[in-house]
Amino acid sequence: MKQVARKSLAAMALAVGLIGLSAGTAVADPTAAAQGCWRSYKGWRCDNNRDIRVEWAGKEVGRLLTSPSWFKCRYEGDPTGGGGPHPNRWIYTQADTTANWGFVKDSDVISETNTLPTC
């Protein structure tokens, strides 16, 4: 009798543990679309990775240090090497560190950039 009670108790504890685990664990939907960039005073704001390269003609001209950042437009051009849903898309912005203008890879921008106007 004690052995049956122990097995039942163990099974119940396991079931409760699994229910608690599944109820407390949220898994992001990998197919969910990223939130788009939003209109801001004289431009657009997008969530982005921090400390990313701003490039002009293949050379680093500064870095974006913060997120979200301000962006002007998007450009479809040479491959960025960053992959993602827009592997040839560059986003025009002004660097935080130098105030120079240039492009960041679309793969460094977390927000969906389809909302940005074309350059």
N, C-alpha and C. Protein backbone atom coordinates (compact mmCIF):
# COMPACT_ATOMS: atom_id res chain seq x y z
N MET A 1 0.82 -1.19 0.00
CA MET A 1 0.00 0.00 0.00
C MET A 1 0.86 1.26 0.00
N LYS A 2 1.92 1.28 0.86
CA LYS A 2 2.80 2.44 0.92
C LYS A 2 3.51 2.64 -0.42
N GLN A 3 3.89 1.53 -1.07
CA GLN A 3 4.60 1.62 -2.34
C GLN A 3 3.68 2.21 -3.43
N VAL A 4 2.43 1.81 -3.46
CA VAL A 4 1.46 2.35 -4.42
C VAL A 4 1.24 3.83 -4.17
N ALA A 5 1.12 4.21 -2.90
CA ALA A 5 0.92 5.61 -2.54
C ALA A 5 2.12 6.45 -2.96
N ARG A 6 3.34 5.91 -2.75
CA ARG A 6 4.55 6.62 -3.14
C ARG A 6 4.61 6.83 -4.66
N LYS A 7 4.27 5.78 -5.41
CA LYS A 7 4.28 5.88 -6.88
C LYS A 7 3.25 6.90 -7.35
N SER A 8 2.07 6.89 -6.73
CA SER A 8 1.02 7.85 -7.10
C SER A 8 1.46 9.28 -6.78
N LEU A 9 2.09 9.44 -5.62
CA LEU A 9 2.57 10.75 -5.21
C LEU A 9 3.67 11.24 -6.16
N ALA A 10 4.57 10.34 -6.54
CA ALA A 10 5.65 10.70 -7.47
C ALA A 10 5.08 11.08 -8.83
N ALA A 11 4.10 10.32 -9.31
CA ALA A 11 3.48 10.61 -10.60
C ALA A 11 2.76 11.96 -10.56
N MET A 12 2.09 12.25 -9.44
CA MET A 12 1.38 13.51 -9.30
C MET A 12 2.38 14.67 -9.27
N ALA A 13 3.47 14.51 -8.55
CA ALA A 13 4.48 15.56 -8.46
C ALA A 13 5.09 15.83 -9.84
N LEU A 14 5.34 14.76 -10.59
CA LEU A 14 5.89 14.91 -11.93
C LEU A 14 4.90 15.65 -12.83
N ALA A 15 3.64 15.27 -12.76
CA ALA A 15 2.61 15.92 -13.58
C ALA A 15 2.47 17.39 -13.23
N VAL A 16 2.46 17.72 -11.95
CA VAL A 16 2.35 19.11 -11.52
C VAL A 16 3.58 19.89 -11.96
N GLY A 17 4.75 19.28 -11.85
CA GLY A 17 5.99 19.93 -12.30
C GLY A 17 5.96 20.22 -13.78
N LEU A 18 5.49 19.27 -14.58
CA LEU A 18 5.42 19.48 -16.02
C LEU A 18 4.39 20.54 -16.38
N ILE A 19 3.27 20.55 -15.69
CA ILE A 19 2.25 21.57 -15.95
C ILE A 19 2.81 22.95 -15.59
N GLY A 20 3.48 23.03 -14.45
CA GLY A 20 4.08 24.31 -14.04
C GLY A 20 5.14 24.76 -15.02
N LEU A 21 5.92 23.82 -15.53
CA LEU A 21 6.96 24.16 -16.48
C LEU A 21 6.37 24.67 -17.78
N SER A 22 5.36 23.98 -18.28
CA SER A 22 4.79 24.41 -19.55
C SER A 22 4.01 25.72 -19.39
N ALA A 23 3.42 25.95 -18.25
CA ALA A 23 2.66 27.19 -18.05
C ALA A 23 3.59 28.37 -17.84
N GLY A 24 4.78 28.14 -17.29
CA GLY A 24 5.67 29.24 -16.98
C GLY A 24 6.71 29.52 -18.04
N THR A 25 6.76 28.73 -19.09
CA THR A 25 7.78 28.90 -20.11
C THR A 25 7.15 29.43 -21.38
N ALA A 26 7.54 30.62 -21.77
CA ALA A 26 7.04 31.19 -23.01
C ALA A 26 8.09 31.01 -24.09
N VAL A 27 7.68 30.57 -25.24
CA VAL A 27 8.59 30.38 -26.36
C VAL A 27 8.16 31.34 -27.47
N ALA A 28 9.11 32.13 -27.96
CA ALA A 28 8.80 33.08 -29.02
C ALA A 28 8.51 32.34 -30.32
N ASP A 29 7.56 32.84 -31.05
CA ASP A 29 7.21 32.27 -32.34
C ASP A 29 8.23 32.75 -33.36
N PRO A 30 9.07 31.84 -33.91
CA PRO A 30 10.11 32.27 -34.83
C PRO A 30 9.56 32.82 -36.14
N THR A 31 8.30 32.55 -36.45
CA THR A 31 7.71 33.06 -37.69
C THR A 31 7.03 34.41 -37.48
N ALA A 32 6.98 34.89 -36.25
CA ALA A 32 6.33 36.17 -35.97
C ALA A 32 7.14 37.31 -36.59
N ALA A 33 6.47 38.25 -37.20
CA ALA A 33 7.14 39.38 -37.83
C ALA A 33 7.62 40.37 -36.78
N ALA A 34 8.78 40.98 -37.05
CA ALA A 34 9.31 42.01 -36.15
C ALA A 34 8.42 43.24 -36.25
N GLN A 35 8.33 43.99 -35.16
CA GLN A 35 7.59 45.25 -35.15
C GLN A 35 8.28 46.22 -36.09
N GLY A 36 7.54 46.99 -36.85
CA GLY A 36 8.12 47.92 -37.82
C GLY A 36 8.69 49.17 -37.18
N CYS A 37 9.52 49.86 -37.94
CA CYS A 37 10.04 51.16 -37.51
C CYS A 37 8.87 52.14 -37.43
N TRP A 38 9.00 53.18 -36.64
CA TRP A 38 7.90 54.12 -36.46
C TRP A 38 8.36 55.54 -36.79
N ARG A 39 7.41 56.33 -37.24
CA ARG A 39 7.67 57.71 -37.65
C ARG A 39 8.04 58.54 -36.43
N SER A 40 9.03 59.38 -36.61
CA SER A 40 9.49 60.27 -35.56
C SER A 40 9.77 61.63 -36.21
N TYR A 41 9.98 62.62 -35.41
CA TYR A 41 10.24 63.97 -35.91
C TYR A 41 11.34 63.93 -36.99
N LYS A 42 11.01 64.33 -38.21
CA LYS A 42 11.94 64.40 -39.34
C LYS A 42 12.64 63.08 -39.65
N GLY A 43 12.06 61.97 -39.34
CA GLY A 43 12.70 60.70 -39.67
C GLY A 43 11.94 59.51 -39.13
N TRP A 44 12.67 58.46 -38.88
CA TRP A 44 12.10 57.20 -38.40
C TRP A 44 12.95 56.67 -37.27
N ARG A 45 12.31 55.99 -36.33
CA ARG A 45 13.02 55.33 -35.22
C ARG A 45 12.85 53.83 -35.38
N CYS A 46 13.93 53.10 -35.13
CA CYS A 46 13.90 51.64 -35.21
C CYS A 46 14.71 51.08 -34.06
N ASP A 47 14.29 49.92 -33.57
CA ASP A 47 15.11 49.18 -32.61
C ASP A 47 16.27 48.56 -33.38
N ASN A 48 17.44 48.58 -32.79
CA ASN A 48 18.63 48.06 -33.45
C ASN A 48 19.59 47.47 -32.43
N ASN A 49 20.55 46.70 -32.93
CA ASN A 49 21.63 46.23 -32.06
C ASN A 49 22.44 47.45 -31.64
N ARG A 50 23.10 47.34 -30.50
CA ARG A 50 23.92 48.45 -30.01
C ARG A 50 25.36 48.30 -30.49
N ASP A 51 26.05 49.42 -30.58
CA ASP A 51 27.46 49.48 -30.98
C ASP A 51 27.68 48.81 -32.34
N ILE A 52 26.99 49.33 -33.35
CA ILE A 52 27.12 48.77 -34.70
C ILE A 52 27.82 49.76 -35.63
N ARG A 53 28.44 49.20 -36.66
CA ARG A 53 29.19 50.00 -37.64
C ARG A 53 28.26 50.82 -38.52
N VAL A 54 28.64 52.07 -38.74
CA VAL A 54 28.04 52.90 -39.78
C VAL A 54 29.10 53.00 -40.87
N GLU A 55 28.73 52.63 -42.10
CA GLU A 55 29.70 52.54 -43.19
C GLU A 55 29.37 53.49 -44.33
N TRP A 56 30.43 53.92 -45.01
CA TRP A 56 30.29 54.65 -46.26
C TRP A 56 31.38 54.13 -47.19
N ALA A 57 30.98 53.66 -48.35
CA ALA A 57 31.90 53.10 -49.35
C ALA A 57 32.77 52.00 -48.75
N GLY A 58 32.17 51.17 -47.90
CA GLY A 58 32.88 50.02 -47.34
C GLY A 58 33.78 50.32 -46.16
N LYS A 59 33.84 51.56 -45.73
CA LYS A 59 34.69 51.93 -44.60
C LYS A 59 33.84 52.41 -43.44
N GLU A 60 34.29 52.10 -42.23
CA GLU A 60 33.57 52.55 -41.04
C GLU A 60 33.77 54.05 -40.88
N VAL A 61 32.64 54.77 -40.74
CA VAL A 61 32.69 56.22 -40.54
C VAL A 61 32.18 56.62 -39.16
N GLY A 62 31.76 55.64 -38.37
CA GLY A 62 31.27 55.88 -37.03
C GLY A 62 30.50 54.67 -36.52
N ARG A 63 29.85 54.85 -35.37
CA ARG A 63 29.09 53.75 -34.77
C ARG A 63 27.79 54.27 -34.19
N LEU A 64 26.78 53.40 -34.19
CA LEU A 64 25.53 53.66 -33.47
C LEU A 64 25.66 52.98 -32.12
N LEU A 65 25.50 53.71 -31.06
CA LEU A 65 25.70 53.17 -29.72
C LEU A 65 24.41 52.83 -29.00
N THR A 66 23.32 53.46 -29.39
CA THR A 66 22.07 53.33 -28.63
C THR A 66 20.98 52.65 -29.45
N SER A 67 19.94 52.25 -28.77
CA SER A 67 18.74 51.71 -29.41
C SER A 67 17.54 52.16 -28.59
N PRO A 68 16.49 52.64 -29.24
CA PRO A 68 16.35 52.75 -30.68
C PRO A 68 17.19 53.89 -31.23
N SER A 69 17.39 53.86 -32.54
CA SER A 69 18.14 54.91 -33.22
C SER A 69 17.28 55.56 -34.29
N TRP A 70 17.76 56.67 -34.80
CA TRP A 70 17.06 57.46 -35.81
C TRP A 70 17.60 57.07 -37.18
N PHE A 71 16.70 56.85 -38.14
CA PHE A 71 17.09 56.47 -39.49
C PHE A 71 16.35 57.33 -40.50
N LYS A 72 16.94 57.49 -41.68
CA LYS A 72 16.37 58.35 -42.72
C LYS A 72 15.64 57.56 -43.81
N CYS A 73 16.29 56.50 -44.34
CA CYS A 73 15.70 55.75 -45.45
C CYS A 73 16.42 54.41 -45.63
N ARG A 74 15.92 53.62 -46.57
CA ARG A 74 16.51 52.30 -46.86
C ARG A 74 16.97 52.26 -48.32
N TYR A 75 18.01 51.46 -48.56
CA TYR A 75 18.59 51.36 -49.89
C TYR A 75 18.84 49.89 -50.21
N GLU A 76 18.34 49.43 -51.36
CA GLU A 76 18.61 48.07 -51.82
C GLU A 76 19.86 48.14 -52.69
N GLY A 77 20.93 47.45 -52.26
CA GLY A 77 22.19 47.55 -53.00
C GLY A 77 22.99 46.27 -52.93
N ASP A 78 24.28 46.43 -52.71
CA ASP A 78 25.18 45.28 -52.63
C ASP A 78 24.84 44.43 -51.42
N PRO A 79 25.16 43.14 -51.46
CA PRO A 79 24.92 42.27 -50.31
C PRO A 79 25.62 42.81 -49.06
N THR A 80 24.92 42.74 -47.93
CA THR A 80 25.48 43.24 -46.67
C THR A 80 26.38 42.22 -46.00
N GLY A 81 26.20 40.95 -46.35
CA GLY A 81 26.95 39.89 -45.67
C GLY A 81 26.33 39.54 -44.33
N GLY A 82 25.20 40.17 -44.00
CA GLY A 82 24.57 39.93 -42.71
C GLY A 82 23.39 38.99 -42.73
N GLY A 83 22.96 38.58 -43.92
CA GLY A 83 21.81 37.67 -44.02
C GLY A 83 20.52 38.37 -43.64
N GLY A 84 19.62 37.62 -43.02
CA GLY A 84 18.34 38.17 -42.60
C GLY A 84 17.35 38.23 -43.75
N PRO A 85 16.19 38.81 -43.49
CA PRO A 85 15.15 38.85 -44.52
C PRO A 85 15.45 39.80 -45.67
N HIS A 86 16.39 40.73 -45.48
CA HIS A 86 16.73 41.70 -46.52
C HIS A 86 18.26 41.74 -46.68
N PRO A 87 18.85 40.73 -47.32
CA PRO A 87 20.32 40.61 -47.35
C PRO A 87 21.02 41.68 -48.19
N ASN A 88 20.28 42.46 -48.97
CA ASN A 88 20.88 43.51 -49.78
C ASN A 88 20.45 44.91 -49.34
N ARG A 89 19.86 45.01 -48.16
CA ARG A 89 19.31 46.29 -47.71
C ARG A 89 20.25 46.98 -46.73
N TRP A 90 20.46 48.26 -46.99
CA TRP A 90 21.24 49.14 -46.13
C TRP A 90 20.33 50.25 -45.62
N ILE A 91 20.56 50.70 -44.39
CA ILE A 91 19.72 51.71 -43.76
C ILE A 91 20.57 52.96 -43.49
N TYR A 92 20.12 54.11 -44.01
CA TYR A 92 20.87 55.36 -43.94
C TYR A 92 20.63 56.06 -42.60
N THR A 93 21.72 56.48 -41.96
CA THR A 93 21.63 57.10 -40.64
C THR A 93 22.85 57.98 -40.37
N GLN A 94 22.83 58.62 -39.23
CA GLN A 94 23.96 59.43 -38.78
C GLN A 94 24.58 58.75 -37.57
N ALA A 95 25.89 58.57 -37.60
CA ALA A 95 26.60 57.88 -36.52
C ALA A 95 26.54 58.68 -35.21
N ASP A 96 26.41 57.96 -34.10
CA ASP A 96 26.42 58.59 -32.78
C ASP A 96 27.81 59.12 -32.43
N THR A 97 28.84 58.38 -32.82
CA THR A 97 30.19 58.69 -32.35
C THR A 97 30.88 59.81 -33.12
N THR A 98 30.52 60.01 -34.40
CA THR A 98 31.24 60.99 -35.21
C THR A 98 30.34 62.00 -35.90
N ALA A 99 29.03 61.77 -35.89
CA ALA A 99 28.04 62.59 -36.61
C ALA A 99 28.18 62.46 -38.13
N ASN A 100 29.00 61.52 -38.60
CA ASN A 100 29.10 61.25 -40.04
C ASN A 100 27.89 60.46 -40.50
N TRP A 101 27.50 60.65 -41.76
CA TRP A 101 26.39 59.92 -42.35
C TRP A 101 26.89 58.67 -43.05
N GLY A 102 26.07 57.62 -43.01
CA GLY A 102 26.43 56.38 -43.68
C GLY A 102 25.31 55.36 -43.54
N PHE A 103 25.64 54.12 -43.81
CA PHE A 103 24.66 53.04 -43.82
C PHE A 103 25.00 51.97 -42.80
N VAL A 104 23.96 51.37 -42.22
CA VAL A 104 24.13 50.18 -41.38
C VAL A 104 23.46 49.01 -42.10
N LYS A 105 23.92 47.81 -41.80
CA LYS A 105 23.31 46.61 -42.38
C LYS A 105 21.90 46.44 -41.84
N ASP A 106 20.99 46.05 -42.70
CA ASP A 106 19.62 45.78 -42.26
C ASP A 106 19.60 44.72 -41.17
N SER A 107 20.51 43.76 -41.22
CA SER A 107 20.53 42.69 -40.22
C SER A 107 20.88 43.21 -38.83
N ASP A 108 21.43 44.42 -38.72
CA ASP A 108 21.71 45.03 -37.42
C ASP A 108 20.52 45.82 -36.88
N VAL A 109 19.47 45.94 -37.68
CA VAL A 109 18.25 46.63 -37.26
C VAL A 109 17.22 45.57 -36.90
N ILE A 110 16.75 45.59 -35.67
CA ILE A 110 15.82 44.58 -35.16
C ILE A 110 14.41 44.81 -35.72
N SER A 111 14.00 46.05 -35.81
CA SER A 111 12.67 46.38 -36.34
C SER A 111 12.58 46.03 -37.82
N GLU A 112 11.38 45.71 -38.28
CA GLU A 112 11.16 45.51 -39.72
C GLU A 112 11.32 46.86 -40.41
N THR A 113 12.14 46.91 -41.46
CA THR A 113 12.48 48.18 -42.11
C THR A 113 11.67 48.47 -43.37
N ASN A 114 10.68 47.65 -43.69
CA ASN A 114 9.84 47.92 -44.87
C ASN A 114 9.09 49.24 -44.74
N THR A 115 8.88 49.72 -43.52
CA THR A 115 8.16 50.98 -43.32
C THR A 115 8.99 52.20 -43.70
N LEU A 116 10.31 52.06 -43.77
CA LEU A 116 11.17 53.19 -44.13
C LEU A 116 11.00 53.54 -45.60
N PRO A 117 11.07 54.84 -45.93
CA PRO A 117 11.02 55.20 -47.35
C PRO A 117 12.31 54.78 -48.05
N THR A 118 12.26 54.64 -49.37
CA THR A 118 13.48 54.33 -50.11
C THR A 118 14.30 55.61 -50.26
N CYS A 119 15.61 55.46 -50.30
CA CYS A 119 16.51 56.61 -50.43
C CYS A 119 16.50 57.13 -51.86
